[in-house]
Amino acid sequence: MSAPAPTVTASALRADVYRILDRAIATGEVVEIERNGVVVRLVPPRPRRWIDALPRRPEAIVGDPCELPEVGWSEAWAPELP
C-alpha cells in the first residue's frame, strides 16, 4: 500500500507553489490541496516509458525467434545488389 498523499493548505501552496509543483513532477507524487474543507488533488501525469515512444511497426514479426528460420524469405530476397 502506498503512503497517503501529502496535504497542504491553499495558503501553504501559494507561499511555496513552485517547490511543491517541482516535487510533484519529479517524484510523480500526488499532492492534496485543502481549501474550506474541500480537497483538490494535483495528480502529475505518469511518465512515458521509452518503449511507448517507439513508432508502431505493424509489419514487424512478433513471436518466437526460433520460428524465424521457418519464415519463407525467398519472395523478399533479391540476389542482385545495387
C-alpha atoms as a PDB file:
ATOM      1  CA  MET A   1       0.000   0.000   0.000  1.00  0.00           C
ATOM      2  CA  SER A   2       1.363   3.457  -0.858  1.00  0.00           C
ATOM      3  CA  ALA A   3       1.775   6.292   1.597  1.00  0.00           C
ATOM      4  CA  PRO A   4      -1.056   8.824   1.808  1.00  0.00           C
ATOM      5  CA  ALA A   5      -0.718  11.893  -0.391  1.00  0.00           C
ATOM      6  CA  PRO A   6       0.687  14.938   1.379  1.00  0.00           C
ATOM      7  CA  THR A   7      -1.962  17.549   2.102  1.00  0.00           C
ATOM      8  CA  VAL A   8      -1.211  21.261   2.022  1.00  0.00           C
ATOM      9  CA  THR A   9      -3.474  24.209   2.609  1.00  0.00           C
ATOM     10  CA  ALA A  10      -4.158  26.672  -0.168  1.00  0.00           C
ATOM     11  CA  SER A  11      -2.142  29.286   1.762  1.00  0.00           C
ATOM     12  CA  ALA A  12       0.867  26.945   2.005  1.00  0.00           C
ATOM     13  CA  LEU A  13       0.552  26.186  -1.703  1.00  0.00           C
ATOM     14  CA  ARG A  14       0.501  29.885  -2.534  1.00  0.00           C
ATOM     15  CA  ALA A  15       3.591  30.513  -0.405  1.00  0.00           C
ATOM     16  CA  ASP A  16       5.593  27.663  -1.953  1.00  0.00           C
ATOM     17  CA  VAL A  17       3.857  26.759  -5.206  1.00  0.00           C
ATOM     18  CA  TYR A  18       6.962  26.182  -7.344  1.00  0.00           C
ATOM     19  CA  ARG A  19       8.697  23.890  -4.851  1.00  0.00           C
ATOM     20  CA  ILE A  20       5.506  21.845  -4.368  1.00  0.00           C
ATOM     21  CA  LEU A  21       4.897  21.578  -8.129  1.00  0.00           C
ATOM     22  CA  ASP A  22       8.522  20.676  -8.858  1.00  0.00           C
ATOM     23  CA  ARG A  23       8.451  17.956  -6.214  1.00  0.00           C
ATOM     24  CA  ALA A  24       5.215  16.501  -7.575  1.00  0.00           C
ATOM     25  CA  ILE A  25       6.627  16.472 -11.108  1.00  0.00           C
ATOM     26  CA  ALA A  26       9.959  14.964 -10.056  1.00  0.00           C
ATOM     27  CA  THR A  27       8.511  12.218  -7.865  1.00  0.00           C
ATOM     28  CA  GLY A  28       5.130  11.628  -9.531  1.00  0.00           C
ATOM     29  CA  GLU A  29       3.621  12.103  -6.088  1.00  0.00           C
ATOM     30  CA  VAL A  30       0.001  13.222  -5.752  1.00  0.00           C
ATOM     31  CA  VAL A  31      -0.491  16.399  -3.702  1.00  0.00           C
ATOM     32  CA  GLU A  32      -3.771  17.175  -1.966  1.00  0.00           C
ATOM     33  CA  ILE A  33      -4.701  20.818  -1.524  1.00  0.00           C
ATOM     34  CA  GLU A  34      -7.324  21.688   1.080  1.00  0.00           C
ATOM     35  CA  ARG A  35      -9.404  24.845   0.960  1.00  0.00           C
ATOM     36  CA  ASN A  36     -12.508  25.479   3.047  1.00  0.00           C
ATOM     37  CA  GLY A  37     -12.812  21.792   3.855  1.00  0.00           C
ATOM     38  CA  VAL A  38     -12.681  20.707   0.217  1.00  0.00           C
ATOM     39  CA  VAL A  39      -9.714  18.662  -1.003  1.00  0.00           C
ATOM     40  CA  VAL A  40      -8.418  19.034  -4.549  1.00  0.00           C
ATOM     41  CA  ARG A  41      -5.844  16.559  -5.838  1.00  0.00           C
ATOM     42  CA  LEU A  42      -2.907  17.564  -8.007  1.00  0.00           C
ATOM     43  CA  VAL A  43      -2.012  14.439  -9.997  1.00  0.00           C
ATOM     44  CA  PRO A  44       1.037  14.648 -12.275  1.00  0.00           C
ATOM     45  CA  PRO A  45       0.909  12.574 -15.459  1.00  0.00           C
ATOM     46  CA  ARG A  46       2.626   9.214 -15.412  1.00  0.00           C
ATOM     47  CA  PRO A  47       5.994   9.378 -17.094  1.00  0.00           C
ATOM     48  CA  ARG A  48       6.110   7.866 -20.552  1.00  0.00           C
ATOM     49  CA  ARG A  49       8.085   4.710 -20.916  1.00  0.00           C
ATOM     50  CA  TRP A  50      10.774   4.836 -23.590  1.00  0.00           C
ATOM     51  CA  ILE A  51       9.211   1.897 -25.365  1.00  0.00           C
ATOM     52  CA  ASP A  52       5.916   3.788 -25.777  1.00  0.00           C
ATOM     53  CA  ALA A  53       7.753   6.454 -27.802  1.00  0.00           C
ATOM     54  CA  LEU A  54       8.876   3.959 -30.452  1.00  0.00           C
ATOM     55  CA  PRO A  55       6.958   4.088 -33.736  1.00  0.00           C
ATOM     56  CA  ARG A  56       4.457   1.314 -34.325  1.00  0.00           C
ATOM     57  CA  ARG A  57       5.542  -1.185 -36.978  1.00  0.00           C
ATOM     58  CA  PRO A  58       2.618  -3.451 -37.900  1.00  0.00           C
ATOM     59  CA  GLU A  59       4.794  -5.327 -40.412  1.00  0.00           C
ATOM     60  CA  ALA A  60       7.209  -6.442 -37.677  1.00  0.00           C
ATOM     61  CA  ILE A  61       7.314 -10.121 -36.841  1.00  0.00           C
ATOM     62  CA  VAL A  62       6.099 -10.807 -33.336  1.00  0.00           C
ATOM     63  CA  GLY A  63       6.735 -14.244 -31.974  1.00  0.00           C
ATOM     64  CA  ASP A  64       9.323 -16.806 -31.075  1.00  0.00           C
ATOM     65  CA  PRO A  65      12.734 -16.086 -32.664  1.00  0.00           C
ATOM     66  CA  CYS A  66      13.287 -19.815 -33.057  1.00  0.00           C
ATOM     67  CA  GLU A  67      10.494 -19.858 -35.640  1.00  0.00           C
ATOM     68  CA  LEU A  68      12.232 -17.304 -37.902  1.00  0.00           C
ATOM     69  CA  PRO A  69      14.136 -19.908 -39.948  1.00  0.00           C
ATOM     70  CA  GLU A  70      10.752 -21.305 -40.959  1.00  0.00           C
ATOM     71  CA  VAL A  71       9.649 -17.969 -42.468  1.00  0.00           C
ATOM     72  CA  GLY A  72       9.821 -18.021 -46.250  1.00  0.00           C
ATOM     73  CA  TRP A  73      12.288 -15.311 -47.272  1.00  0.00           C
ATOM     74  CA  SER A  74      12.641 -16.383 -50.902  1.00  0.00           C
ATOM     75  CA  GLU A  75       9.994 -13.908 -52.140  1.00  0.00           C
ATOM     76  CA  ALA A  76      11.673 -10.928 -50.444  1.00  0.00           C
ATOM     77  CA  TRP A  77      15.287 -11.887 -51.206  1.00  0.00           C
ATOM     78  CA  ALA A  78      16.875 -10.329 -54.262  1.00  0.00           C
ATOM     79  CA  PRO A  79      20.322 -11.688 -55.207  1.00  0.00           C
ATOM     80  CA  GLU A  80      21.138  -8.641 -57.349  1.00  0.00           C
ATOM     81  CA  LEU A  81      22.893  -5.987 -55.322  1.00  0.00           C
ATOM     82  CA  PRO A  82      22.750  -2.358 -56.447  1.00  0.00           C
END
